[in-house]
Amino acid sequence: MNLRLIDWIWHVRGTLPLAPAQSGDDALDRLAPLFGQPGTSYERASLDGAAQELTFTKKDQAAQDKMSVFDGGTLRIEAGADGAVLRYHLISRALLFCFLAPLLFLGIAQLTIVFDPHKNAPTEKAEKTKKADKKDEVVQLNPIDKALGAPAPEKPDKDDEDGGKGGSGKHGKKPATTPAYVFAGIFAALYLIGRILEDRLIRRLFRKTLAGE
């Protein structure tokens, strides 16, 4: 399987054209301060064909870091048809986690249903049939109680038969899967928003930095 078909989930790629008079050295010089943050290390190298490359990695990056969501990547200055361009390839474990988290919570919800302790309990219909049969039975007093004049046993109340108010006994309860579905939805929304937003934010950050803004 070609990893490129799925690595877009946590990889962000893009291309930005440089200003006509801007050189590769100048472009990387302007971008370098973005990688001078605590927990960030980077290297610059000259490649064949006048191309230049900056490779960086981040560890325990601070929240104030404008690129804190990314853990590493490569920025390359190359010659394009209309002039030099910046090609970037960034990697984010945070995006990968937000993508996998909904699958995890959906799995938890399914396991909750599979291992529901009331799953194999008698159904509500079977319980009602069984109780109806008991209700129709004629209750007989033993001879000693009858001789002593003891009253006949009373039939059970309907509320007692149904297991309490509202007729929902313990077998009517459903497994609590709602929290798992809620968290799955939250992380799915976080991923969709983050994947689109981070792509736009990093592009705008690079464009402003190259322009000296």
N, C-alpha and C. Protein backbone atom coordinates (compact mmCIF):
# COMPACT_ATOMS: atom_id res chain seq x y z
N MET A 1 0.85 -1.21 0.00
CA MET A 1 0.00 0.00 0.00
C MET A 1 0.88 1.25 0.00
N ASN A 2 0.53 2.20 -0.86
CA ASN A 2 1.28 3.44 -0.94
C ASN A 2 0.90 4.34 0.23
N LEU A 3 1.89 4.62 1.09
CA LEU A 3 1.63 5.42 2.29
C LEU A 3 1.16 6.82 1.92
N ARG A 4 1.55 7.29 0.77
CA ARG A 4 1.17 8.66 0.35
C ARG A 4 -0.35 8.81 0.23
N LEU A 5 -1.05 7.69 0.04
CA LEU A 5 -2.50 7.75 -0.11
C LEU A 5 -3.20 8.09 1.21
N ILE A 6 -2.54 7.82 2.34
CA ILE A 6 -3.17 8.08 3.63
C ILE A 6 -2.39 9.06 4.50
N ASP A 7 -1.13 9.36 4.15
CA ASP A 7 -0.36 10.22 5.05
C ASP A 7 -0.81 11.68 5.02
N TRP A 8 -1.73 12.03 4.12
CA TRP A 8 -2.30 13.38 4.14
C TRP A 8 -3.07 13.63 5.43
N ILE A 9 -3.40 12.54 6.14
CA ILE A 9 -4.14 12.67 7.39
C ILE A 9 -3.36 13.51 8.39
N TRP A 10 -2.06 13.27 8.49
CA TRP A 10 -1.24 14.00 9.47
C TRP A 10 -0.05 14.74 8.84
N HIS A 11 0.02 14.77 7.50
CA HIS A 11 1.06 15.51 6.79
C HIS A 11 0.43 16.71 6.08
N VAL A 12 1.08 17.83 6.18
CA VAL A 12 0.60 19.06 5.51
C VAL A 12 1.65 19.47 4.49
N ARG A 13 1.24 19.58 3.24
CA ARG A 13 2.14 19.96 2.15
C ARG A 13 1.60 21.20 1.45
N GLY A 14 2.51 21.97 0.88
CA GLY A 14 2.09 23.15 0.16
C GLY A 14 3.24 23.79 -0.60
N THR A 15 2.90 24.76 -1.44
CA THR A 15 3.89 25.48 -2.25
C THR A 15 3.57 26.96 -2.23
N LEU A 16 4.61 27.77 -2.08
CA LEU A 16 4.47 29.23 -2.11
C LEU A 16 5.51 29.82 -3.05
N PRO A 17 5.09 30.71 -3.96
CA PRO A 17 6.08 31.35 -4.84
C PRO A 17 6.84 32.44 -4.08
N LEU A 18 8.13 32.57 -4.36
CA LEU A 18 8.93 33.64 -3.76
C LEU A 18 8.81 34.90 -4.59
N ALA A 19 9.12 36.01 -3.98
CA ALA A 19 9.14 37.28 -4.72
C ALA A 19 10.19 37.18 -5.83
N PRO A 20 9.98 37.87 -6.97
CA PRO A 20 10.91 37.76 -8.11
C PRO A 20 12.37 38.01 -7.75
N ALA A 21 12.65 38.94 -6.87
CA ALA A 21 14.03 39.29 -6.56
C ALA A 21 14.55 38.57 -5.32
N GLN A 22 13.77 37.68 -4.76
CA GLN A 22 14.15 37.02 -3.51
C GLN A 22 14.96 35.75 -3.80
N SER A 23 16.10 35.63 -3.15
CA SER A 23 16.95 34.45 -3.33
C SER A 23 16.59 33.39 -2.30
N GLY A 24 17.11 32.20 -2.53
CA GLY A 24 16.86 31.11 -1.59
C GLY A 24 17.45 31.38 -0.22
N ASP A 25 18.66 31.96 -0.19
CA ASP A 25 19.30 32.28 1.09
C ASP A 25 18.47 33.29 1.87
N ASP A 26 17.99 34.30 1.16
CA ASP A 26 17.19 35.33 1.83
C ASP A 26 15.89 34.74 2.37
N ALA A 27 15.28 33.87 1.60
CA ALA A 27 14.02 33.25 2.04
C ALA A 27 14.22 32.42 3.30
N LEU A 28 15.25 31.59 3.33
CA LEU A 28 15.51 30.77 4.51
C LEU A 28 15.96 31.61 5.70
N ASP A 29 16.67 32.70 5.44
CA ASP A 29 17.07 33.60 6.53
C ASP A 29 15.84 34.19 7.21
N ARG A 30 14.85 34.53 6.41
CA ARG A 30 13.63 35.12 6.98
C ARG A 30 12.80 34.07 7.72
N LEU A 31 12.86 32.83 7.26
CA LEU A 31 12.09 31.77 7.90
C LEU A 31 12.77 31.21 9.14
N ALA A 32 14.08 31.37 9.23
CA ALA A 32 14.85 30.77 10.33
C ALA A 32 14.34 31.13 11.72
N PRO A 33 13.92 32.39 12.00
CA PRO A 33 13.44 32.71 13.35
C PRO A 33 12.25 31.86 13.81
N LEU A 34 11.48 31.34 12.86
CA LEU A 34 10.35 30.48 13.24
C LEU A 34 10.83 29.19 13.91
N PHE A 35 12.08 28.82 13.64
CA PHE A 35 12.62 27.57 14.17
C PHE A 35 13.63 27.80 15.29
N GLY A 36 13.68 29.02 15.77
CA GLY A 36 14.57 29.33 16.89
C GLY A 36 13.84 29.27 18.21
N GLN A 37 12.82 28.44 18.31
CA GLN A 37 12.00 28.32 19.51
C GLN A 37 12.54 27.20 20.42
N PRO A 38 12.24 27.26 21.73
CA PRO A 38 12.67 26.19 22.64
C PRO A 38 12.13 24.83 22.20
N GLY A 39 12.99 23.83 22.22
CA GLY A 39 12.59 22.49 21.82
C GLY A 39 12.67 22.23 20.34
N THR A 40 13.13 23.22 19.56
CA THR A 40 13.21 23.08 18.10
C THR A 40 14.66 23.08 17.65
N SER A 41 15.00 22.15 16.79
CA SER A 41 16.33 22.12 16.18
C SER A 41 16.16 22.02 14.67
N TYR A 42 17.09 22.66 13.95
CA TYR A 42 16.97 22.62 12.49
C TYR A 42 18.35 22.67 11.84
N GLU A 43 18.37 22.24 10.58
CA GLU A 43 19.60 22.25 9.79
C GLU A 43 19.29 22.78 8.40
N ARG A 44 20.24 23.52 7.85
CA ARG A 44 20.13 24.01 6.48
C ARG A 44 21.18 23.33 5.61
N ALA A 45 20.80 23.06 4.37
CA ALA A 45 21.73 22.39 3.47
C ALA A 45 21.49 22.87 2.05
N SER A 46 22.56 22.89 1.26
CA SER A 46 22.47 23.23 -0.16
C SER A 46 22.41 21.94 -0.96
N LEU A 47 21.47 21.88 -1.89
CA LEU A 47 21.27 20.68 -2.70
C LEU A 47 21.74 20.94 -4.12
N ASP A 48 21.65 19.92 -4.92
CA ASP A 48 22.04 20.06 -6.33
C ASP A 48 21.08 20.99 -7.05
N GLY A 49 21.57 21.68 -8.03
CA GLY A 49 20.74 22.57 -8.83
C GLY A 49 20.36 23.84 -8.12
N ALA A 50 21.17 24.32 -7.19
CA ALA A 50 20.96 25.57 -6.47
C ALA A 50 19.77 25.50 -5.51
N ALA A 51 19.21 24.30 -5.31
CA ALA A 51 18.11 24.15 -4.35
C ALA A 51 18.66 24.18 -2.93
N GLN A 52 17.86 24.66 -2.03
CA GLN A 52 18.26 24.72 -0.62
C GLN A 52 17.15 24.13 0.24
N GLU A 53 17.57 23.58 1.37
CA GLU A 53 16.61 22.86 2.20
C GLU A 53 16.83 23.17 3.68
N LEU A 54 15.73 23.25 4.41
CA LEU A 54 15.78 23.40 5.87
C LEU A 54 14.95 22.27 6.47
N THR A 55 15.57 21.47 7.32
CA THR A 55 14.90 20.36 8.00
C THR A 55 14.83 20.65 9.49
N PHE A 56 13.68 20.44 10.09
CA PHE A 56 13.53 20.76 11.51
C PHE A 56 12.81 19.64 12.25
N THR A 57 13.03 19.58 13.55
CA THR A 57 12.32 18.68 14.44
C THR A 57 11.96 19.45 15.71
N LYS A 58 10.85 19.07 16.32
CA LYS A 58 10.41 19.71 17.56
C LYS A 58 10.17 18.65 18.63
N LYS A 59 10.51 19.02 19.87
CA LYS A 59 10.28 18.13 21.01
C LYS A 59 9.87 18.97 22.20
N ASP A 60 8.75 18.59 22.82
CA ASP A 60 8.22 19.33 23.97
C ASP A 60 8.07 20.82 23.65
N GLN A 61 7.54 21.10 22.47
CA GLN A 61 7.39 22.49 22.06
C GLN A 61 6.37 23.22 22.92
N ALA A 62 6.63 24.49 23.14
CA ALA A 62 5.76 25.32 23.96
C ALA A 62 4.50 25.69 23.20
N ALA A 63 3.43 25.97 23.94
CA ALA A 63 2.17 26.34 23.30
C ALA A 63 2.28 27.67 22.58
N GLN A 64 3.23 28.53 23.01
CA GLN A 64 3.40 29.84 22.37
C GLN A 64 4.06 29.74 21.01
N ASP A 65 4.64 28.60 20.72
CA ASP A 65 5.29 28.39 19.42
C ASP A 65 4.22 28.41 18.33
N LYS A 66 4.41 29.26 17.33
CA LYS A 66 3.43 29.38 16.25
C LYS A 66 3.32 28.10 15.42
N MET A 67 4.33 27.23 15.52
CA MET A 67 4.30 25.97 14.79
C MET A 67 4.28 24.78 15.75
N SER A 68 3.70 24.97 16.93
CA SER A 68 3.74 23.92 17.95
C SER A 68 2.98 22.67 17.56
N VAL A 69 2.01 22.78 16.66
CA VAL A 69 1.22 21.61 16.27
C VAL A 69 2.03 20.64 15.42
N PHE A 70 3.17 21.11 14.87
CA PHE A 70 3.98 20.26 14.00
C PHE A 70 5.20 19.73 14.76
N ASP A 71 5.57 18.48 14.48
CA ASP A 71 6.68 17.83 15.16
C ASP A 71 7.95 17.75 14.31
N GLY A 72 7.83 18.08 13.06
CA GLY A 72 8.99 18.05 12.17
C GLY A 72 8.56 18.32 10.75
N GLY A 73 9.56 18.44 9.88
CA GLY A 73 9.24 18.68 8.48
C GLY A 73 10.41 19.21 7.69
N THR A 74 10.13 19.54 6.46
CA THR A 74 11.16 20.01 5.54
C THR A 74 10.64 21.19 4.73
N LEU A 75 11.48 22.22 4.59
CA LEU A 75 11.20 23.36 3.72
C LEU A 75 12.27 23.38 2.64
N ARG A 76 11.88 23.48 1.39
CA ARG A 76 12.84 23.43 0.30
C ARG A 76 12.58 24.57 -0.68
N ILE A 77 13.64 25.25 -1.05
CA ILE A 77 13.58 26.29 -2.08
C ILE A 77 14.02 25.68 -3.39
N GLU A 78 13.14 25.71 -4.38
CA GLU A 78 13.45 25.11 -5.68
C GLU A 78 13.13 26.10 -6.80
N ALA A 79 13.69 25.84 -7.95
CA ALA A 79 13.39 26.66 -9.13
C ALA A 79 12.11 26.17 -9.77
N GLY A 80 11.19 27.10 -10.00
CA GLY A 80 9.93 26.76 -10.65
C GLY A 80 9.83 27.36 -12.03
N ALA A 81 8.73 27.09 -12.71
CA ALA A 81 8.55 27.61 -14.06
C ALA A 81 8.50 29.13 -14.08
N ASP A 82 7.93 29.72 -13.03
CA ASP A 82 7.80 31.17 -12.98
C ASP A 82 8.72 31.80 -11.94
N GLY A 83 9.73 31.06 -11.51
CA GLY A 83 10.66 31.58 -10.51
C GLY A 83 10.81 30.61 -9.34
N ALA A 84 11.56 31.03 -8.33
CA ALA A 84 11.79 30.17 -7.17
C ALA A 84 10.52 30.00 -6.36
N VAL A 85 10.38 28.80 -5.79
CA VAL A 85 9.20 28.50 -4.97
C VAL A 85 9.65 27.82 -3.67
N LEU A 86 8.83 27.97 -2.66
CA LEU A 86 9.04 27.27 -1.40
C LEU A 86 8.07 26.10 -1.33
N ARG A 87 8.63 24.91 -1.17
CA ARG A 87 7.81 23.72 -0.99
C ARG A 87 8.01 23.24 0.45
N TYR A 88 6.92 23.05 1.16
CA TYR A 88 7.03 22.60 2.54
C TYR A 88 6.24 21.30 2.76
N HIS A 89 6.78 20.51 3.64
CA HIS A 89 6.19 19.22 4.01
C HIS A 89 6.32 19.09 5.52
N LEU A 90 5.19 19.18 6.23
CA LEU A 90 5.17 19.22 7.68
C LEU A 90 4.40 18.02 8.24
N ILE A 91 4.83 17.55 9.42
CA ILE A 91 4.25 16.36 10.04
C ILE A 91 3.68 16.73 11.40
N SER A 92 2.47 16.26 11.69
CA SER A 92 1.80 16.59 12.96
C SER A 92 1.22 15.33 13.60
N ARG A 93 1.76 14.94 14.76
CA ARG A 93 1.20 13.81 15.49
C ARG A 93 -0.14 14.20 16.14
N ALA A 94 -0.31 15.49 16.43
CA ALA A 94 -1.57 15.95 17.03
C ALA A 94 -2.74 15.69 16.08
N LEU A 95 -2.53 15.96 14.78
CA LEU A 95 -3.58 15.69 13.81
C LEU A 95 -3.87 14.19 13.71
N LEU A 96 -2.82 13.38 13.77
CA LEU A 96 -3.01 11.93 13.72
C LEU A 96 -3.81 11.45 14.92
N PHE A 97 -3.49 11.98 16.11
CA PHE A 97 -4.22 11.58 17.31
C PHE A 97 -5.70 11.96 17.20
N CYS A 98 -5.97 13.18 16.74
CA CYS A 98 -7.37 13.61 16.60
C CYS A 98 -8.12 12.79 15.57
N PHE A 99 -7.41 12.25 14.59
CA PHE A 99 -8.05 11.40 13.58
C PHE A 99 -8.35 10.02 14.15
N LEU A 100 -7.44 9.47 14.97
CA LEU A 100 -7.62 8.12 15.50
C LEU A 100 -8.53 8.08 16.72
N ALA A 101 -8.61 9.18 17.47
CA ALA A 101 -9.40 9.19 18.70
C ALA A 101 -10.87 8.81 18.47
N PRO A 102 -11.56 9.33 17.43
CA PRO A 102 -12.95 8.91 17.22
C PRO A 102 -13.08 7.41 16.99
N LEU A 103 -12.12 6.82 16.27
CA LEU A 103 -12.17 5.37 16.04
C LEU A 103 -12.04 4.62 17.36
N LEU A 104 -11.19 5.13 18.24
CA LEU A 104 -11.01 4.50 19.55
C LEU A 104 -12.31 4.53 20.35
N PHE A 105 -12.95 5.69 20.41
CA PHE A 105 -14.18 5.80 21.20
C PHE A 105 -15.33 5.02 20.57
N LEU A 106 -15.38 4.94 19.25
CA LEU A 106 -16.40 4.11 18.61
C LEU A 106 -16.18 2.65 18.94
N GLY A 107 -14.91 2.24 19.00
CA GLY A 107 -14.59 0.87 19.40
C GLY A 107 -15.02 0.59 20.83
N ILE A 108 -14.80 1.55 21.72
CA ILE A 108 -15.23 1.40 23.11
C ILE A 108 -16.75 1.25 23.19
N ALA A 109 -17.47 2.03 22.40
CA ALA A 109 -18.93 1.93 22.40
C ALA A 109 -19.38 0.54 21.94
N GLN A 110 -18.73 0.01 20.92
CA GLN A 110 -19.11 -1.32 20.43
C GLN A 110 -18.80 -2.40 21.45
N LEU A 111 -17.66 -2.27 22.12
CA LEU A 111 -17.31 -3.25 23.16
C LEU A 111 -18.30 -3.18 24.32
N THR A 112 -18.76 -1.97 24.63
CA THR A 112 -19.76 -1.81 25.69
C THR A 112 -21.04 -2.56 25.35
N ILE A 113 -21.43 -2.50 24.07
CA ILE A 113 -22.64 -3.20 23.64
C ILE A 113 -22.43 -4.72 23.65
N VAL A 114 -21.27 -5.15 23.16
CA VAL A 114 -20.99 -6.59 23.07
C VAL A 114 -20.95 -7.23 24.45
N PHE A 115 -20.31 -6.54 25.40
CA PHE A 115 -20.15 -7.11 26.74
C PHE A 115 -21.20 -6.58 27.71
N ASP A 116 -22.35 -6.14 27.20
CA ASP A 116 -23.44 -5.68 28.05
C ASP A 116 -23.92 -6.84 28.93
N PRO A 117 -23.88 -6.71 30.26
CA PRO A 117 -24.28 -7.81 31.14
C PRO A 117 -25.75 -8.19 31.02
N HIS A 118 -26.59 -7.28 30.50
CA HIS A 118 -28.02 -7.57 30.37
C HIS A 118 -28.39 -8.06 28.98
N LYS A 119 -27.36 -8.25 28.13
CA LYS A 119 -27.66 -8.62 26.74
C LYS A 119 -28.35 -9.98 26.66
N ASN A 120 -27.88 -10.93 27.47
CA ASN A 120 -28.43 -12.28 27.43
C ASN A 120 -29.53 -12.50 28.46
N ALA A 121 -29.97 -11.42 29.11
CA ALA A 121 -31.04 -11.54 30.08
C ALA A 121 -32.37 -11.77 29.37
N PRO A 122 -33.37 -12.31 30.07
CA PRO A 122 -34.68 -12.52 29.43
C PRO A 122 -35.25 -11.23 28.87
N THR A 123 -35.90 -11.31 27.74
CA THR A 123 -36.47 -10.12 27.13
C THR A 123 -37.68 -9.65 27.92
N GLU A 124 -38.06 -8.40 27.65
CA GLU A 124 -39.19 -7.82 28.37
C GLU A 124 -40.47 -8.60 28.12
N LYS A 125 -40.63 -9.08 26.88
CA LYS A 125 -41.83 -9.83 26.55
C LYS A 125 -41.87 -11.15 27.30
N ALA A 126 -40.72 -11.82 27.37
CA ALA A 126 -40.66 -13.09 28.09
C ALA A 126 -40.91 -12.88 29.57
N GLU A 127 -40.39 -11.77 30.11
CA GLU A 127 -40.60 -11.49 31.52
C GLU A 127 -42.09 -11.26 31.80
N LYS A 128 -42.76 -10.52 30.92
CA LYS A 128 -44.19 -10.25 31.13
C LYS A 128 -45.01 -11.53 31.04
N THR A 129 -44.64 -12.41 30.09
CA THR A 129 -45.36 -13.69 29.95
C THR A 129 -45.21 -14.53 31.20
N LYS A 130 -43.98 -14.56 31.70
CA LYS A 130 -43.70 -15.35 32.91
C LYS A 130 -44.47 -14.82 34.10
N LYS A 131 -44.53 -13.48 34.22
CA LYS A 131 -45.25 -12.87 35.35
C LYS A 131 -46.75 -13.08 35.21
N ALA A 132 -47.24 -13.05 33.95
CA ALA A 132 -48.67 -13.28 33.74
C ALA A 132 -49.06 -14.69 34.13
N ASP A 133 -48.18 -15.65 33.83
CA ASP A 133 -48.45 -17.04 34.21
C ASP A 133 -48.51 -17.18 35.72
N LYS A 134 -47.58 -16.51 36.41
CA LYS A 134 -47.58 -16.57 37.87
C LYS A 134 -48.84 -15.93 38.44
N LYS A 135 -49.27 -14.86 37.76
CA LYS A 135 -50.44 -14.12 38.24
C LYS A 135 -51.70 -14.98 38.16
N ASP A 136 -51.77 -15.80 37.10
CA ASP A 136 -52.96 -16.63 36.90
C ASP A 136 -52.97 -17.86 37.78
N GLU A 137 -51.87 -18.20 38.39
CA GLU A 137 -51.82 -19.38 39.25
C GLU A 137 -52.70 -19.17 40.47
N VAL A 138 -53.39 -20.23 40.85
CA VAL A 138 -54.23 -20.18 42.06
C VAL A 138 -53.34 -20.50 43.26
N VAL A 139 -53.28 -19.59 44.19
CA VAL A 139 -52.43 -19.77 45.36
C VAL A 139 -53.22 -20.53 46.42
N GLN A 140 -52.70 -21.65 46.86
CA GLN A 140 -53.35 -22.48 47.85
C GLN A 140 -52.66 -22.35 49.20
N LEU A 141 -53.48 -22.27 50.25
CA LEU A 141 -52.95 -22.29 51.61
C LEU A 141 -52.72 -23.73 52.04
N ASN A 142 -51.69 -23.93 52.82
CA ASN A 142 -51.52 -25.29 53.34
C ASN A 142 -52.56 -25.53 54.43
N PRO A 143 -52.86 -26.79 54.74
CA PRO A 143 -53.94 -27.14 55.67
C PRO A 143 -53.79 -26.49 57.05
N ILE A 144 -52.58 -26.37 57.56
CA ILE A 144 -52.39 -25.81 58.89
C ILE A 144 -52.80 -24.34 58.91
N ASP A 145 -52.31 -23.56 57.89
CA ASP A 145 -52.68 -22.15 57.82
C ASP A 145 -54.19 -21.98 57.66
N LYS A 146 -54.79 -22.88 56.85
CA LYS A 146 -56.23 -22.77 56.63
C LYS A 146 -56.98 -23.04 57.92
N ALA A 147 -56.49 -24.01 58.70
CA ALA A 147 -57.14 -24.35 59.96
C ALA A 147 -57.02 -23.21 60.96
N LEU A 148 -55.96 -22.50 60.92
CA LEU A 148 -55.76 -21.37 61.84
C LEU A 148 -56.48 -20.11 61.38
N GLY A 149 -57.08 -20.17 60.19
CA GLY A 149 -57.84 -19.02 59.69
C GLY A 149 -56.99 -17.95 59.07
N ALA A 150 -55.81 -18.31 58.58
CA ALA A 150 -54.94 -17.32 57.95
C ALA A 150 -55.55 -16.84 56.64
N PRO A 151 -55.42 -15.54 56.33
CA PRO A 151 -55.98 -15.03 55.06
C PRO A 151 -55.19 -15.55 53.87
N ALA A 152 -55.85 -15.59 52.72
CA ALA A 152 -55.19 -16.04 51.49
C ALA A 152 -54.14 -15.02 51.07
N PRO A 153 -53.03 -15.46 50.49
CA PRO A 153 -51.97 -14.53 50.05
C PRO A 153 -52.50 -13.56 48.99
N GLU A 154 -52.06 -12.32 49.09
CA GLU A 154 -52.46 -11.31 48.11
C GLU A 154 -51.64 -11.45 46.84
N LYS A 155 -52.24 -11.07 45.72
CA LYS A 155 -51.53 -11.09 44.46
C LYS A 155 -50.56 -9.92 44.38
N PRO A 156 -49.41 -10.10 43.75
CA PRO A 156 -48.43 -9.00 43.68
C PRO A 156 -48.97 -7.81 42.90
N ASP A 157 -48.58 -6.61 43.36
CA ASP A 157 -48.97 -5.39 42.66
C ASP A 157 -48.29 -5.32 41.30
N LYS A 158 -48.90 -4.54 40.43
CA LYS A 158 -48.35 -4.39 39.08
C LYS A 158 -46.99 -3.73 39.10
N ASP A 159 -46.84 -2.74 40.02
CA ASP A 159 -45.55 -2.04 40.09
C ASP A 159 -44.45 -2.99 40.49
N ASP A 160 -44.77 -3.94 41.40
CA ASP A 160 -43.76 -4.91 41.82
C ASP A 160 -43.40 -5.85 40.70
N GLU A 161 -44.43 -6.21 39.87
CA GLU A 161 -44.17 -7.13 38.76
C GLU A 161 -43.27 -6.50 37.73
N ASP A 162 -43.48 -5.19 37.50
CA ASP A 162 -42.72 -4.52 36.44
C ASP A 162 -41.35 -4.07 36.89
N GLY A 163 -41.01 -4.32 38.13
CA GLY A 163 -39.67 -3.98 38.60
C GLY A 163 -39.55 -2.55 39.03
N GLY A 164 -40.69 -1.90 39.35
CA GLY A 164 -40.60 -0.52 39.82
C GLY A 164 -41.44 0.40 38.98
N LYS A 165 -41.40 1.65 39.30
CA LYS A 165 -42.18 2.67 38.61
C LYS A 165 -41.79 2.79 37.16
N GLY A 166 -42.78 2.85 36.28
CA GLY A 166 -42.50 3.03 34.86
C GLY A 166 -42.28 1.74 34.12
N GLY A 167 -42.29 0.58 34.83
CA GLY A 167 -42.15 -0.69 34.14
C GLY A 167 -40.81 -0.92 33.53
N SER A 168 -39.79 -0.31 34.01
CA SER A 168 -38.46 -0.53 33.43
C SER A 168 -37.59 -1.23 34.46
N GLY A 169 -37.58 -2.55 34.41
CA GLY A 169 -36.75 -3.33 35.32
C GLY A 169 -35.31 -3.25 34.94
N LYS A 170 -34.53 -4.02 35.67
CA LYS A 170 -33.10 -3.95 35.42
C LYS A 170 -32.71 -4.45 34.04
N HIS A 171 -33.60 -5.34 33.48
CA HIS A 171 -33.29 -5.88 32.16
C HIS A 171 -33.62 -4.90 31.04
N GLY A 172 -34.33 -3.78 31.38
CA GLY A 172 -34.65 -2.81 30.35
C GLY A 172 -33.58 -1.77 30.15
N LYS A 173 -32.56 -1.79 30.96
CA LYS A 173 -31.52 -0.79 30.85
C LYS A 173 -30.64 -1.04 29.64
N LYS A 174 -30.21 0.04 29.00
CA LYS A 174 -29.31 -0.05 27.86
C LYS A 174 -27.89 0.31 28.28
N PRO A 175 -26.90 -0.27 27.64
CA PRO A 175 -25.51 0.08 27.99
C PRO A 175 -25.23 1.56 27.72
N ALA A 176 -24.44 2.18 28.60
CA ALA A 176 -24.16 3.62 28.50
C ALA A 176 -23.09 3.88 27.45
N THR A 177 -23.52 4.00 26.19
CA THR A 177 -22.58 4.25 25.09
C THR A 177 -22.57 5.72 24.69
N THR A 178 -23.47 6.51 25.24
CA THR A 178 -23.57 7.92 24.83
C THR A 178 -22.27 8.69 25.03
N PRO A 179 -21.59 8.59 26.19
CA PRO A 179 -20.33 9.33 26.36
C PRO A 179 -19.30 9.00 25.29
N ALA A 180 -19.21 7.73 24.91
CA ALA A 180 -18.23 7.34 23.90
C ALA A 180 -18.55 8.00 22.56
N TYR A 181 -19.84 8.03 22.19
CA TYR A 181 -20.23 8.66 20.93
C TYR A 181 -20.00 10.17 20.98
N VAL A 182 -20.23 10.77 22.14
CA VAL A 182 -20.02 12.22 22.28
C VAL A 182 -18.54 12.55 22.08
N PHE A 183 -17.65 11.81 22.74
CA PHE A 183 -16.22 12.07 22.59
C PHE A 183 -15.75 11.79 21.16
N ALA A 184 -16.31 10.77 20.53
CA ALA A 184 -15.95 10.49 19.13
C ALA A 184 -16.33 11.67 18.25
N GLY A 185 -17.50 12.24 18.48
CA GLY A 185 -17.92 13.40 17.69
C GLY A 185 -17.06 14.62 17.94
N ILE A 186 -16.66 14.82 19.20
CA ILE A 186 -15.82 15.97 19.53
C ILE A 186 -14.48 15.89 18.82
N PHE A 187 -13.83 14.73 18.90
CA PHE A 187 -12.51 14.59 18.28
C PHE A 187 -12.60 14.60 16.75
N ALA A 188 -13.69 14.09 16.20
CA ALA A 188 -13.86 14.16 14.75
C ALA A 188 -13.97 15.61 14.30
N ALA A 189 -14.72 16.41 15.06
CA ALA A 189 -14.85 17.83 14.73
C ALA A 189 -13.51 18.55 14.89
N LEU A 190 -12.77 18.21 15.95
CA LEU A 190 -11.45 18.82 16.16
C LEU A 190 -10.52 18.51 15.00
N TYR A 191 -10.57 17.27 14.52
CA TYR A 191 -9.69 16.92 13.40
C TYR A 191 -10.05 17.70 12.14
N LEU A 192 -11.32 17.71 11.79
CA LEU A 192 -11.74 18.39 10.56
C LEU A 192 -11.40 19.87 10.61
N ILE A 193 -11.68 20.50 11.76
CA ILE A 193 -11.38 21.93 11.89
C ILE A 193 -9.87 22.15 11.87
N GLY A 194 -9.14 21.32 12.64
CA GLY A 194 -7.69 21.49 12.72
C GLY A 194 -6.99 21.23 11.40
N ARG A 195 -7.43 20.22 10.68
CA ARG A 195 -6.76 19.89 9.41
C ARG A 195 -6.90 21.02 8.40
N ILE A 196 -8.07 21.61 8.32
CA ILE A 196 -8.29 22.72 7.39
C ILE A 196 -7.64 24.00 7.89
N LEU A 197 -7.83 24.26 9.19
CA LEU A 197 -7.33 25.51 9.75
C LEU A 197 -5.80 25.57 9.77
N GLU A 198 -5.15 24.48 10.18
CA GLU A 198 -3.69 24.49 10.26
C GLU A 198 -3.05 24.64 8.88
N ASP A 199 -3.67 24.06 7.89
CA ASP A 199 -3.16 24.21 6.52
C ASP A 199 -3.16 25.67 6.11
N ARG A 200 -4.24 26.36 6.41
CA ARG A 200 -4.34 27.78 6.03
C ARG A 200 -3.44 28.66 6.90
N LEU A 201 -3.38 28.34 8.19
CA LEU A 201 -2.58 29.16 9.09
C LEU A 201 -1.10 29.09 8.76
N ILE A 202 -0.59 27.89 8.48
CA ILE A 202 0.85 27.76 8.21
C ILE A 202 1.19 28.41 6.88
N ARG A 203 0.29 28.33 5.92
CA ARG A 203 0.53 28.98 4.63
C ARG A 203 0.60 30.50 4.81
N ARG A 204 -0.34 31.03 5.60
CA ARG A 204 -0.34 32.48 5.83
C ARG A 204 0.89 32.90 6.63
N LEU A 205 1.31 32.07 7.61
CA LEU A 205 2.50 32.39 8.40
C LEU A 205 3.74 32.44 7.52
N PHE A 206 3.92 31.46 6.65
CA PHE A 206 5.08 31.47 5.76
C PHE A 206 5.03 32.65 4.78
N ARG A 207 3.87 32.95 4.27
CA ARG A 207 3.76 34.05 3.31
C ARG A 207 4.10 35.40 3.97
N LYS A 208 3.61 35.63 5.16
CA LYS A 208 3.90 36.87 5.87
C LYS A 208 5.37 36.95 6.25
N THR A 209 5.93 35.83 6.68
CA THR A 209 7.35 35.83 7.08
C THR A 209 8.25 36.09 5.90
N LEU A 210 7.95 35.49 4.76
CA LEU A 210 8.76 35.73 3.55
C LEU A 210 8.64 37.17 3.09
N ALA A 211 7.49 37.78 3.32
CA ALA A 211 7.30 39.17 2.91
C ALA A 211 7.87 40.16 3.92
N GLY A 212 8.35 39.65 5.05
CA GLY A 212 8.93 40.52 6.06
C GLY A 212 7.89 41.23 6.90
N GLU A 213 6.67 40.73 6.95
CA GLU A 213 5.62 41.38 7.73
C GLU A 213 5.72 40.96 9.20
